[in-house]
Amino acid sequence: MGDETFEDKKLFKYSFFKAGTRLFNQGDKGTDIYILKKGAVTVLVDDQIIGLINTPDTIIGEMAYFLNLNRTASVEAIEDSNFIVISGDYLYETVMKKPRIGIDLLKILSGRLAKTTKYAIKLEKEIAQYRDELRKLKGLKEEKKPGILEELVSYGFLSHEEMEKCNSELKKSEQSGALTSLPNILIEKGYISAEQLIQFMELRQEK
């Protein structure tokens, strides 16, 4: 793979990739996980650059191994870069023996997911703004904005079935005259946790 590789056969190997070298290609079978120590790489999907990684200790390529998928993107060094390359099987065995490592890995991946979610929300907002501007230019009315329950479904906090159940509970409470609120129903019925609701509200505020 790299131009020079210094290997510890039992644990991991140190790999050096010159600028312009591909670590792996989209569609490849993914068995190794990469940890960037120095340098920078681009992430490409269908040969289009969609991201840049230049933060030391960033984990790359773990999704293909853990989800048993082929590589969903290509990764190419744009600077001379150093990596620690770990066998996915070795990492799995290590996590099973030392769960604390698994927790640390989960924190890293959760942080990456949160950043990706924020980026997706920002992108969704920009697309919605462009769409509204086009509708105005064409003399059309603005589209009706989704309600909170619809947003919870779109962000993955609720399923469509849970949304329907929640709507049903809201109607029942209105008909009975009971004083309740949407957050109370969501939490009391177990549709969402308080922590998830707080996370959702934070994401919603960023829009």
N, C-alpha and C. Protein backbone atom coordinates (compact mmCIF):
# COMPACT_ATOMS: atom_id res chain seq x y z
N MET A 1 0.83 -1.21 0.00
CA MET A 1 0.00 0.00 0.00
C MET A 1 0.86 1.25 0.00
N GLY A 2 1.53 1.53 1.13
CA GLY A 2 2.35 2.72 1.19
C GLY A 2 3.69 2.50 0.52
N ASP A 3 4.45 3.57 0.41
CA ASP A 3 5.76 3.46 -0.23
C ASP A 3 6.78 2.83 0.71
N GLU A 4 6.61 3.06 2.01
CA GLU A 4 7.48 2.43 2.99
C GLU A 4 6.60 1.94 4.12
N THR A 5 6.86 0.73 4.61
CA THR A 5 6.07 0.20 5.71
C THR A 5 6.99 -0.42 6.74
N PHE A 6 6.81 -0.04 8.01
CA PHE A 6 7.58 -0.58 9.11
C PHE A 6 6.59 -1.35 9.97
N GLU A 7 6.73 -2.67 10.02
CA GLU A 7 5.67 -3.49 10.57
C GLU A 7 6.04 -4.18 11.86
N ASP A 8 5.09 -4.12 12.83
CA ASP A 8 5.13 -4.94 14.03
C ASP A 8 4.08 -6.01 13.79
N LYS A 9 4.50 -7.23 13.48
CA LYS A 9 3.58 -8.25 13.01
C LYS A 9 2.51 -8.62 14.03
N LYS A 10 2.79 -8.41 15.32
CA LYS A 10 1.84 -8.81 16.34
C LYS A 10 0.74 -7.78 16.56
N LEU A 11 1.08 -6.52 16.46
CA LEU A 11 0.13 -5.50 16.87
C LEU A 11 -0.36 -4.62 15.73
N PHE A 12 0.53 -3.84 15.15
CA PHE A 12 0.13 -2.90 14.11
C PHE A 12 1.35 -2.59 13.26
N LYS A 13 1.15 -1.77 12.25
CA LYS A 13 2.27 -1.38 11.41
C LYS A 13 2.23 0.12 11.18
N TYR A 14 3.40 0.69 10.97
CA TYR A 14 3.53 2.11 10.65
C TYR A 14 3.69 2.22 9.14
N SER A 15 2.86 3.04 8.52
CA SER A 15 2.91 3.18 7.06
C SER A 15 3.09 4.62 6.66
N PHE A 16 3.88 4.81 5.62
CA PHE A 16 4.13 6.15 5.07
C PHE A 16 3.56 6.21 3.66
N PHE A 17 2.77 7.24 3.38
CA PHE A 17 2.18 7.42 2.06
C PHE A 17 2.63 8.77 1.49
N LYS A 18 3.23 8.74 0.32
CA LYS A 18 3.62 9.99 -0.33
C LYS A 18 2.38 10.72 -0.84
N ALA A 19 2.51 12.03 -0.98
CA ALA A 19 1.41 12.82 -1.54
C ALA A 19 1.02 12.25 -2.91
N GLY A 20 -0.28 12.10 -3.12
CA GLY A 20 -0.77 11.54 -4.38
C GLY A 20 -1.03 10.05 -4.33
N THR A 21 -0.68 9.40 -3.19
CA THR A 21 -0.87 7.96 -3.05
C THR A 21 -2.23 7.66 -2.43
N ARG A 22 -2.91 6.66 -2.94
CA ARG A 22 -4.20 6.24 -2.39
C ARG A 22 -3.99 5.22 -1.27
N LEU A 23 -4.66 5.49 -0.15
CA LEU A 23 -4.64 4.50 0.93
C LEU A 23 -5.50 3.31 0.54
N PHE A 24 -6.68 3.61 -0.01
CA PHE A 24 -7.57 2.58 -0.51
C PHE A 24 -8.58 3.23 -1.46
N ASN A 25 -9.25 2.40 -2.24
CA ASN A 25 -10.21 2.88 -3.23
C ASN A 25 -11.64 2.50 -2.86
N GLN A 26 -12.55 3.32 -3.29
CA GLN A 26 -13.97 3.04 -3.13
C GLN A 26 -14.28 1.68 -3.76
N GLY A 27 -14.98 0.84 -3.00
CA GLY A 27 -15.32 -0.49 -3.50
C GLY A 27 -14.38 -1.58 -3.03
N ASP A 28 -13.19 -1.19 -2.50
CA ASP A 28 -12.26 -2.19 -1.98
C ASP A 28 -12.86 -2.88 -0.75
N LYS A 29 -12.42 -4.10 -0.50
CA LYS A 29 -12.79 -4.78 0.75
C LYS A 29 -11.99 -4.14 1.87
N GLY A 30 -12.66 -3.81 2.96
CA GLY A 30 -11.99 -3.11 4.05
C GLY A 30 -11.66 -4.01 5.22
N THR A 31 -10.37 -4.24 5.46
CA THR A 31 -9.97 -5.07 6.60
C THR A 31 -9.07 -4.32 7.57
N ASP A 32 -8.44 -3.24 7.12
CA ASP A 32 -7.53 -2.47 7.96
C ASP A 32 -8.14 -1.14 8.36
N ILE A 33 -7.72 -0.66 9.51
CA ILE A 33 -8.17 0.63 10.04
C ILE A 33 -6.94 1.52 10.18
N TYR A 34 -7.07 2.78 9.77
CA TYR A 34 -5.94 3.70 9.71
C TYR A 34 -6.10 4.80 10.76
N ILE A 35 -4.99 5.15 11.39
CA ILE A 35 -4.97 6.28 12.33
C ILE A 35 -3.94 7.28 11.82
N LEU A 36 -4.40 8.46 11.44
CA LEU A 36 -3.51 9.49 10.91
C LEU A 36 -2.64 10.06 12.02
N LYS A 37 -1.33 10.05 11.82
CA LYS A 37 -0.41 10.63 12.79
C LYS A 37 0.14 11.97 12.31
N LYS A 38 0.37 12.08 11.01
CA LYS A 38 0.90 13.32 10.45
C LYS A 38 0.55 13.39 8.97
N GLY A 39 0.16 14.58 8.51
CA GLY A 39 -0.14 14.76 7.10
C GLY A 39 -1.59 15.13 6.86
N ALA A 40 -2.08 14.88 5.64
CA ALA A 40 -3.46 15.22 5.28
C ALA A 40 -3.91 14.34 4.13
N VAL A 41 -5.19 13.99 4.15
CA VAL A 41 -5.77 13.18 3.08
C VAL A 41 -7.12 13.78 2.67
N THR A 42 -7.52 13.47 1.44
CA THR A 42 -8.85 13.84 0.98
C THR A 42 -9.71 12.59 0.91
N VAL A 43 -11.02 12.79 1.08
CA VAL A 43 -11.99 11.70 0.97
C VAL A 43 -12.75 11.94 -0.34
N LEU A 44 -12.82 10.90 -1.18
CA LEU A 44 -13.47 11.04 -2.49
C LEU A 44 -14.57 10.00 -2.66
N VAL A 45 -15.70 10.43 -3.17
CA VAL A 45 -16.78 9.53 -3.55
C VAL A 45 -17.04 9.73 -5.03
N ASP A 46 -16.96 8.64 -5.79
CA ASP A 46 -17.08 8.71 -7.25
C ASP A 46 -16.09 9.73 -7.82
N ASP A 47 -14.89 9.73 -7.23
CA ASP A 47 -13.78 10.61 -7.66
C ASP A 47 -14.05 12.10 -7.46
N GLN A 48 -15.06 12.42 -6.63
CA GLN A 48 -15.34 13.80 -6.27
C GLN A 48 -14.94 14.02 -4.81
N ILE A 49 -14.14 15.06 -4.53
CA ILE A 49 -13.69 15.32 -3.17
C ILE A 49 -14.86 15.78 -2.31
N ILE A 50 -15.08 15.07 -1.19
CA ILE A 50 -16.16 15.45 -0.29
C ILE A 50 -15.66 15.83 1.10
N GLY A 51 -14.35 15.65 1.35
CA GLY A 51 -13.84 15.98 2.67
C GLY A 51 -12.33 16.01 2.74
N LEU A 52 -11.85 16.67 3.78
CA LEU A 52 -10.41 16.76 4.05
C LEU A 52 -10.17 16.33 5.49
N ILE A 53 -9.16 15.49 5.70
CA ILE A 53 -8.79 15.06 7.04
C ILE A 53 -7.34 15.42 7.28
N ASN A 54 -7.09 16.25 8.28
CA ASN A 54 -5.71 16.63 8.61
C ASN A 54 -5.48 16.71 10.12
N THR A 55 -6.42 16.17 10.90
CA THR A 55 -6.29 16.19 12.37
C THR A 55 -5.61 14.92 12.85
N PRO A 56 -4.47 15.04 13.54
CA PRO A 56 -3.78 13.84 14.03
C PRO A 56 -4.68 12.97 14.91
N ASP A 57 -4.48 11.67 14.82
CA ASP A 57 -5.22 10.66 15.58
C ASP A 57 -6.64 10.43 15.08
N THR A 58 -6.96 10.97 13.90
CA THR A 58 -8.26 10.67 13.29
C THR A 58 -8.27 9.23 12.80
N ILE A 59 -9.36 8.53 13.11
CA ILE A 59 -9.52 7.13 12.67
C ILE A 59 -10.19 7.12 11.31
N ILE A 60 -9.64 6.33 10.39
CA ILE A 60 -10.15 6.28 9.02
C ILE A 60 -10.37 4.83 8.61
N GLY A 61 -11.50 4.57 7.98
CA GLY A 61 -11.74 3.26 7.38
C GLY A 61 -12.35 2.21 8.29
N GLU A 62 -12.81 2.62 9.48
CA GLU A 62 -13.35 1.65 10.42
C GLU A 62 -14.74 1.14 10.02
N MET A 63 -15.51 1.98 9.30
CA MET A 63 -16.89 1.61 8.97
C MET A 63 -16.95 0.36 8.11
N ALA A 64 -16.06 0.26 7.12
CA ALA A 64 -16.08 -0.89 6.23
C ALA A 64 -15.87 -2.19 7.01
N TYR A 65 -14.97 -2.15 7.99
CA TYR A 65 -14.70 -3.37 8.76
C TYR A 65 -15.86 -3.71 9.69
N PHE A 66 -16.29 -2.75 10.50
CA PHE A 66 -17.30 -3.04 11.51
C PHE A 66 -18.67 -3.35 10.90
N LEU A 67 -18.99 -2.76 9.74
CA LEU A 67 -20.27 -3.02 9.09
C LEU A 67 -20.17 -4.07 7.99
N ASN A 68 -18.96 -4.61 7.82
CA ASN A 68 -18.72 -5.65 6.82
C ASN A 68 -19.15 -5.17 5.43
N LEU A 69 -18.69 -3.97 5.09
CA LEU A 69 -19.00 -3.37 3.80
C LEU A 69 -17.73 -3.16 2.99
N ASN A 70 -17.88 -3.00 1.68
CA ASN A 70 -16.76 -2.52 0.88
C ASN A 70 -16.55 -1.04 1.18
N ARG A 71 -15.38 -0.54 0.87
CA ARG A 71 -15.08 0.87 1.16
C ARG A 71 -16.12 1.77 0.47
N THR A 72 -16.69 2.69 1.23
CA THR A 72 -17.71 3.59 0.68
C THR A 72 -17.09 4.83 0.05
N ALA A 73 -15.79 5.02 0.21
CA ALA A 73 -15.10 6.17 -0.36
C ALA A 73 -13.64 5.82 -0.60
N SER A 74 -12.99 6.62 -1.42
CA SER A 74 -11.54 6.51 -1.61
C SER A 74 -10.86 7.53 -0.71
N VAL A 75 -9.65 7.22 -0.27
CA VAL A 75 -8.87 8.16 0.56
C VAL A 75 -7.49 8.30 -0.06
N GLU A 76 -7.08 9.56 -0.30
CA GLU A 76 -5.82 9.84 -0.98
C GLU A 76 -5.01 10.85 -0.21
N ALA A 77 -3.73 10.59 -0.04
CA ALA A 77 -2.85 11.52 0.66
C ALA A 77 -2.58 12.74 -0.23
N ILE A 78 -2.73 13.93 0.33
CA ILE A 78 -2.39 15.15 -0.43
C ILE A 78 -1.12 15.78 0.13
N GLU A 79 -0.65 15.22 1.23
CA GLU A 79 0.67 15.56 1.78
C GLU A 79 1.35 14.25 2.13
N ASP A 80 2.67 14.26 2.24
CA ASP A 80 3.35 13.08 2.76
C ASP A 80 2.76 12.80 4.15
N SER A 81 2.27 11.58 4.35
CA SER A 81 1.49 11.29 5.55
C SER A 81 1.94 10.00 6.23
N ASN A 82 1.90 10.02 7.56
CA ASN A 82 2.24 8.85 8.36
C ASN A 82 0.99 8.31 9.04
N PHE A 83 0.87 6.99 9.08
CA PHE A 83 -0.28 6.33 9.69
C PHE A 83 0.14 5.16 10.56
N ILE A 84 -0.68 4.87 11.55
CA ILE A 84 -0.65 3.57 12.21
C ILE A 84 -1.78 2.78 11.56
N VAL A 85 -1.47 1.59 11.07
CA VAL A 85 -2.47 0.74 10.42
C VAL A 85 -2.70 -0.48 11.31
N ILE A 86 -3.97 -0.67 11.71
CA ILE A 86 -4.33 -1.75 12.61
C ILE A 86 -5.27 -2.72 11.89
N SER A 87 -5.03 -4.00 12.05
CA SER A 87 -5.93 -5.00 11.51
C SER A 87 -7.27 -4.88 12.23
N GLY A 88 -8.37 -4.89 11.47
CA GLY A 88 -9.69 -4.81 12.07
C GLY A 88 -9.92 -5.95 13.05
N ASP A 89 -9.45 -7.15 12.71
CA ASP A 89 -9.61 -8.30 13.60
C ASP A 89 -8.87 -8.10 14.90
N TYR A 90 -7.65 -7.53 14.81
CA TYR A 90 -6.88 -7.29 16.03
C TYR A 90 -7.58 -6.27 16.91
N LEU A 91 -8.10 -5.19 16.30
CA LEU A 91 -8.80 -4.17 17.08
C LEU A 91 -10.03 -4.77 17.75
N TYR A 92 -10.75 -5.62 17.03
CA TYR A 92 -11.94 -6.27 17.60
C TYR A 92 -11.56 -7.12 18.80
N GLU A 93 -10.51 -7.90 18.67
CA GLU A 93 -10.06 -8.75 19.78
C GLU A 93 -9.63 -7.90 20.97
N THR A 94 -8.97 -6.77 20.69
CA THR A 94 -8.51 -5.89 21.76
C THR A 94 -9.69 -5.28 22.51
N VAL A 95 -10.72 -4.85 21.75
CA VAL A 95 -11.91 -4.27 22.37
C VAL A 95 -12.61 -5.30 23.26
N MET A 96 -12.66 -6.55 22.80
CA MET A 96 -13.31 -7.61 23.58
C MET A 96 -12.56 -7.87 24.89
N LYS A 97 -11.23 -7.73 24.85
CA LYS A 97 -10.43 -7.97 26.05
C LYS A 97 -10.41 -6.74 26.96
N LYS A 98 -10.44 -5.54 26.33
CA LYS A 98 -10.36 -4.30 27.09
C LYS A 98 -11.51 -3.37 26.67
N PRO A 99 -12.69 -3.56 27.26
CA PRO A 99 -13.88 -2.78 26.87
C PRO A 99 -13.67 -1.27 26.93
N ARG A 100 -12.76 -0.83 27.80
CA ARG A 100 -12.51 0.61 27.91
C ARG A 100 -12.06 1.20 26.58
N ILE A 101 -11.27 0.43 25.82
CA ILE A 101 -10.83 0.89 24.50
C ILE A 101 -12.03 1.04 23.59
N GLY A 102 -12.98 0.11 23.70
CA GLY A 102 -14.19 0.19 22.90
C GLY A 102 -15.00 1.43 23.22
N ILE A 103 -15.06 1.79 24.51
CA ILE A 103 -15.79 2.99 24.92
C ILE A 103 -15.12 4.24 24.35
N ASP A 104 -13.79 4.29 24.41
CA ASP A 104 -13.06 5.43 23.85
C ASP A 104 -13.30 5.54 22.34
N LEU A 105 -13.29 4.38 21.67
CA LEU A 105 -13.54 4.37 20.23
C LEU A 105 -14.95 4.85 19.92
N LEU A 106 -15.90 4.41 20.75
CA LEU A 106 -17.29 4.82 20.56
C LEU A 106 -17.45 6.33 20.72
N LYS A 107 -16.73 6.91 21.69
CA LYS A 107 -16.77 8.36 21.88
C LYS A 107 -16.26 9.10 20.64
N ILE A 108 -15.17 8.59 20.08
CA ILE A 108 -14.59 9.21 18.89
C ILE A 108 -15.57 9.15 17.73
N LEU A 109 -16.16 7.97 17.52
CA LEU A 109 -17.08 7.80 16.40
C LEU A 109 -18.37 8.59 16.61
N SER A 110 -18.82 8.69 17.87
CA SER A 110 -20.02 9.47 18.17
C SER A 110 -19.77 10.95 17.90
N GLY A 111 -18.56 11.41 18.24
CA GLY A 111 -18.21 12.80 17.97
C GLY A 111 -18.20 13.08 16.48
N ARG A 112 -17.68 12.13 15.71
CA ARG A 112 -17.66 12.29 14.25
C ARG A 112 -19.07 12.31 13.70
N LEU A 113 -19.93 11.44 14.25
CA LEU A 113 -21.33 11.42 13.79
C LEU A 113 -22.03 12.73 14.08
N ALA A 114 -21.73 13.30 15.27
CA ALA A 114 -22.35 14.58 15.64
C ALA A 114 -21.94 15.67 14.66
N LYS A 115 -20.64 15.69 14.30
CA LYS A 115 -20.17 16.70 13.34
C LYS A 115 -20.81 16.50 11.98
N THR A 116 -20.94 15.24 11.57
CA THR A 116 -21.57 14.95 10.28
C THR A 116 -23.03 15.37 10.28
N THR A 117 -23.71 15.14 11.42
CA THR A 117 -25.12 15.52 11.53
C THR A 117 -25.27 17.03 11.43
N LYS A 118 -24.38 17.76 12.11
CA LYS A 118 -24.44 19.23 12.05
C LYS A 118 -24.22 19.73 10.62
N TYR A 119 -23.27 19.09 9.93
CA TYR A 119 -23.00 19.49 8.55
C TYR A 119 -24.21 19.20 7.67
N ALA A 120 -24.83 18.03 7.90
CA ALA A 120 -26.01 17.66 7.10
C ALA A 120 -27.16 18.63 7.33
N ILE A 121 -27.32 19.06 8.59
CA ILE A 121 -28.39 20.01 8.92
C ILE A 121 -28.12 21.35 8.23
N LYS A 122 -26.85 21.79 8.28
CA LYS A 122 -26.49 23.05 7.63
C LYS A 122 -26.75 22.97 6.13
N LEU A 123 -26.36 21.83 5.53
CA LEU A 123 -26.56 21.65 4.10
C LEU A 123 -28.04 21.61 3.76
N GLU A 124 -28.81 20.93 4.61
CA GLU A 124 -30.26 20.85 4.39
C GLU A 124 -30.89 22.24 4.45
N LYS A 125 -30.42 23.06 5.39
CA LYS A 125 -30.95 24.42 5.52
C LYS A 125 -30.64 25.25 4.27
N GLU A 126 -29.40 25.13 3.77
CA GLU A 126 -29.02 25.88 2.57
C GLU A 126 -29.85 25.45 1.36
N ILE A 127 -30.08 24.14 1.23
CA ILE A 127 -30.88 23.63 0.12
C ILE A 127 -32.31 24.16 0.22
N ALA A 128 -32.86 24.17 1.46
CA ALA A 128 -34.22 24.66 1.66
C ALA A 128 -34.32 26.15 1.29
N GLN A 129 -33.28 26.92 1.64
CA GLN A 129 -33.29 28.36 1.31
C GLN A 129 -33.26 28.57 -0.20
N TYR A 130 -32.39 27.81 -0.89
CA TYR A 130 -32.33 27.92 -2.36
C TYR A 130 -33.66 27.51 -2.99
N ARG A 131 -34.27 26.46 -2.44
CA ARG A 131 -35.54 26.00 -2.97
C ARG A 131 -36.63 27.05 -2.79
N ASP A 132 -36.65 27.70 -1.60
CA ASP A 132 -37.64 28.76 -1.35
C ASP A 132 -37.43 29.95 -2.29
N GLU A 133 -36.15 30.29 -2.52
CA GLU A 133 -35.86 31.41 -3.42
C GLU A 133 -36.33 31.10 -4.85
N LEU A 134 -36.14 29.87 -5.28
CA LEU A 134 -36.58 29.47 -6.62
C LEU A 134 -38.10 29.50 -6.72
N ARG A 135 -38.76 29.07 -5.64
CA ARG A 135 -40.23 29.07 -5.64
C ARG A 135 -40.75 30.51 -5.72
N LYS A 136 -40.09 31.41 -5.00
CA LYS A 136 -40.51 32.82 -5.04
C LYS A 136 -40.33 33.39 -6.44
N LEU A 137 -39.20 33.06 -7.08
CA LEU A 137 -38.94 33.55 -8.44
C LEU A 137 -40.00 33.05 -9.43
N LYS A 138 -40.50 31.84 -9.14
CA LYS A 138 -41.52 31.26 -10.02
C LYS A 138 -42.94 31.68 -9.61
N GLY A 139 -43.02 32.48 -8.53
CA GLY A 139 -44.33 32.94 -8.08
C GLY A 139 -45.12 31.90 -7.33
N LEU A 140 -44.43 30.89 -6.77
CA LEU A 140 -45.12 29.84 -6.02
C LEU A 140 -45.07 30.14 -4.52
N LYS A 141 -46.00 29.57 -3.78
CA LYS A 141 -46.03 29.76 -2.33
C LYS A 141 -44.93 28.94 -1.68
N GLU A 142 -44.49 29.41 -0.51
CA GLU A 142 -43.46 28.67 0.23
C GLU A 142 -44.03 27.35 0.70
N GLU A 143 -43.18 26.34 0.73
CA GLU A 143 -43.62 25.04 1.21
C GLU A 143 -43.88 25.07 2.71
N LYS A 144 -44.85 24.30 3.12
CA LYS A 144 -45.16 24.21 4.54
C LYS A 144 -43.99 23.57 5.28
N LYS A 145 -43.54 24.22 6.35
CA LYS A 145 -42.41 23.69 7.11
C LYS A 145 -42.86 22.52 7.97
N PRO A 146 -42.01 21.50 8.11
CA PRO A 146 -42.40 20.33 8.91
C PRO A 146 -42.53 20.68 10.39
N GLY A 147 -43.42 19.96 11.09
CA GLY A 147 -43.58 20.15 12.52
C GLY A 147 -42.47 19.46 13.29
N ILE A 148 -42.51 19.61 14.61
CA ILE A 148 -41.45 19.04 15.45
C ILE A 148 -41.39 17.52 15.30
N LEU A 149 -42.56 16.87 15.28
CA LEU A 149 -42.55 15.41 15.16
C LEU A 149 -41.94 14.96 13.84
N GLU A 150 -42.28 15.66 12.76
CA GLU A 150 -41.70 15.32 11.46
C GLU A 150 -40.18 15.52 11.47
N GLU A 151 -39.72 16.57 12.17
CA GLU A 151 -38.28 16.82 12.26
C GLU A 151 -37.60 15.72 13.07
N LEU A 152 -38.25 15.28 14.14
CA LEU A 152 -37.70 14.20 14.96
C LEU A 152 -37.52 12.93 14.13
N VAL A 153 -38.47 12.68 13.22
CA VAL A 153 -38.37 11.52 12.34
C VAL A 153 -37.24 11.71 11.34
N SER A 154 -37.16 12.91 10.76
CA SER A 154 -36.13 13.15 9.74
C SER A 154 -34.73 13.09 10.32
N TYR A 155 -34.57 13.45 11.61
CA TYR A 155 -33.26 13.38 12.25
C TYR A 155 -32.95 11.99 12.80
N GLY A 156 -33.93 11.09 12.73
CA GLY A 156 -33.69 9.72 13.19
C GLY A 156 -33.97 9.49 14.66
N PHE A 157 -34.59 10.45 15.35
CA PHE A 157 -34.90 10.27 16.76
C PHE A 157 -36.18 9.44 16.96
N LEU A 158 -37.10 9.49 16.00
CA LEU A 158 -38.36 8.76 16.08
C LEU A 158 -38.58 7.97 14.80
N SER A 159 -39.34 6.89 14.92
CA SER A 159 -39.78 6.17 13.73
C SER A 159 -41.14 6.74 13.31
N HIS A 160 -41.57 6.44 12.10
CA HIS A 160 -42.88 6.91 11.63
C HIS A 160 -43.99 6.34 12.52
N GLU A 161 -43.82 5.09 12.95
CA GLU A 161 -44.83 4.45 13.81
C GLU A 161 -44.93 5.18 15.15
N GLU A 162 -43.78 5.53 15.72
CA GLU A 162 -43.78 6.26 16.99
C GLU A 162 -44.40 7.64 16.83
N MET A 163 -44.15 8.27 15.67
CA MET A 163 -44.75 9.58 15.43
C MET A 163 -46.28 9.49 15.41
N GLU A 164 -46.81 8.44 14.76
CA GLU A 164 -48.25 8.26 14.70
C GLU A 164 -48.83 8.01 16.09
N LYS A 165 -48.13 7.21 16.89
CA LYS A 165 -48.58 6.94 18.26
C LYS A 165 -48.58 8.21 19.09
N CYS A 166 -47.56 9.03 18.88
CA CYS A 166 -47.44 10.28 19.62
C CYS A 166 -48.59 11.22 19.23
N ASN A 167 -48.88 11.30 17.93
CA ASN A 167 -50.00 12.12 17.47
C ASN A 167 -51.31 11.65 18.09
N SER A 168 -51.46 10.33 18.18
CA SER A 168 -52.66 9.76 18.78
C SER A 168 -52.78 10.16 20.25
N GLU A 169 -51.66 10.10 20.98
CA GLU A 169 -51.65 10.48 22.40
C GLU A 169 -51.99 11.96 22.57
N LEU A 170 -51.47 12.78 21.66
CA LEU A 170 -51.76 14.22 21.72
C LEU A 170 -53.25 14.49 21.54
N LYS A 171 -53.87 13.79 20.58
CA LYS A 171 -55.30 13.97 20.33
C LYS A 171 -56.13 13.52 21.53
N LYS A 172 -55.74 12.40 22.13
CA LYS A 172 -56.45 11.90 23.31
C LYS A 172 -56.38 12.89 24.46
N SER A 173 -55.20 13.48 24.67
CA SER A 173 -55.03 14.42 25.78
C SER A 173 -55.84 15.69 25.53
N GLU A 174 -55.92 16.11 24.27
CA GLU A 174 -56.71 17.30 23.93
C GLU A 174 -58.20 17.05 24.14
N GLN A 175 -58.66 15.86 23.74
CA GLN A 175 -60.08 15.53 23.88
C GLN A 175 -60.49 15.38 25.33
N SER A 176 -59.56 14.88 26.17
CA SER A 176 -59.89 14.68 27.59
C SER A 176 -59.68 15.94 28.42
N GLY A 177 -59.04 16.95 27.80
CA GLY A 177 -58.77 18.18 28.52
C GLY A 177 -57.60 18.09 29.48
N ALA A 178 -56.84 17.01 29.37
CA ALA A 178 -55.68 16.83 30.26
C ALA A 178 -54.58 17.82 29.88
N LEU A 179 -53.93 18.36 30.91
CA LEU A 179 -52.84 19.30 30.69
C LEU A 179 -51.54 18.51 30.55
N THR A 180 -51.09 18.37 29.33
CA THR A 180 -49.83 17.68 29.08
C THR A 180 -49.10 18.40 27.97
N SER A 181 -47.88 17.99 27.71
CA SER A 181 -47.08 18.63 26.67
C SER A 181 -46.44 17.57 25.81
N LEU A 182 -46.01 17.99 24.64
CA LEU A 182 -45.37 17.06 23.72
C LEU A 182 -44.12 16.42 24.34
N PRO A 183 -43.22 17.18 24.98
CA PRO A 183 -42.05 16.54 25.60
C PRO A 183 -42.43 15.49 26.63
N ASN A 184 -43.48 15.77 27.44
CA ASN A 184 -43.90 14.80 28.44
C ASN A 184 -44.35 13.50 27.80
N ILE A 185 -45.13 13.61 26.73
CA ILE A 185 -45.61 12.41 26.04
C ILE A 185 -44.44 11.64 25.45
N LEU A 186 -43.52 12.35 24.82
CA LEU A 186 -42.37 11.69 24.20
C LEU A 186 -41.56 10.90 25.21
N ILE A 187 -41.33 11.50 26.37
CA ILE A 187 -40.48 10.86 27.39
C ILE A 187 -41.25 9.79 28.17
N GLU A 188 -42.48 10.11 28.60
CA GLU A 188 -43.25 9.17 29.41
C GLU A 188 -43.59 7.90 28.64
N LYS A 189 -43.86 8.02 27.35
CA LYS A 189 -44.19 6.85 26.55
C LYS A 189 -42.94 6.10 26.07
N GLY A 190 -41.78 6.64 26.36
CA GLY A 190 -40.54 5.98 25.98
C GLY A 190 -40.17 6.12 24.52
N TYR A 191 -40.77 7.11 23.83
CA TYR A 191 -40.45 7.32 22.42
C TYR A 191 -39.07 7.94 22.25
N ILE A 192 -38.62 8.69 23.27
CA ILE A 192 -37.33 9.38 23.21
C ILE A 192 -36.87 9.65 24.64
N SER A 193 -35.57 9.68 24.86
CA SER A 193 -35.06 9.97 26.20
C SER A 193 -34.87 11.47 26.36
N ALA A 194 -34.74 11.91 27.61
CA ALA A 194 -34.52 13.33 27.87
C ALA A 194 -33.23 13.81 27.21
N GLU A 195 -32.20 12.95 27.24
CA GLU A 195 -30.92 13.32 26.62
C GLU A 195 -31.07 13.49 25.11
N GLN A 196 -31.84 12.59 24.48
CA GLN A 196 -32.05 12.70 23.03
C GLN A 196 -32.85 13.96 22.69
N LEU A 197 -33.81 14.28 23.54
CA LEU A 197 -34.63 15.47 23.29
C LEU A 197 -33.78 16.73 23.39
N ILE A 198 -32.88 16.76 24.37
CA ILE A 198 -31.97 17.90 24.52
C ILE A 198 -31.07 18.01 23.30
N GLN A 199 -30.55 16.87 22.84
CA GLN A 199 -29.68 16.86 21.66
C GLN A 199 -30.44 17.38 20.44
N PHE A 200 -31.69 16.95 20.29
CA PHE A 200 -32.52 17.39 19.17
C PHE A 200 -32.73 18.90 19.21
N MET A 201 -33.04 19.44 20.40
CA MET A 201 -33.30 20.86 20.52
C MET A 201 -32.05 21.67 20.20
N GLU A 202 -30.88 21.15 20.60
CA GLU A 202 -29.62 21.84 20.28
C GLU A 202 -29.39 21.87 18.77
N LEU A 203 -29.65 20.74 18.11
CA LEU A 203 -29.50 20.68 16.66
C LEU A 203 -30.49 21.61 15.98
N ARG A 204 -31.69 21.67 16.51
CA ARG A 204 -32.74 22.51 15.93
C ARG A 204 -32.39 23.98 16.05
N GLN A 205 -31.78 24.36 17.19
CA GLN A 205 -31.39 25.76 17.40
C GLN A 205 -30.30 26.19 16.42
N GLU A 206 -29.44 25.22 16.05
CA GLU A 206 -28.34 25.54 15.13
C GLU A 206 -28.84 25.83 13.73
N LYS A 207 -30.08 25.42 13.42
CA LYS A 207 -30.66 25.71 12.11
C LYS A 207 -30.99 27.19 11.98
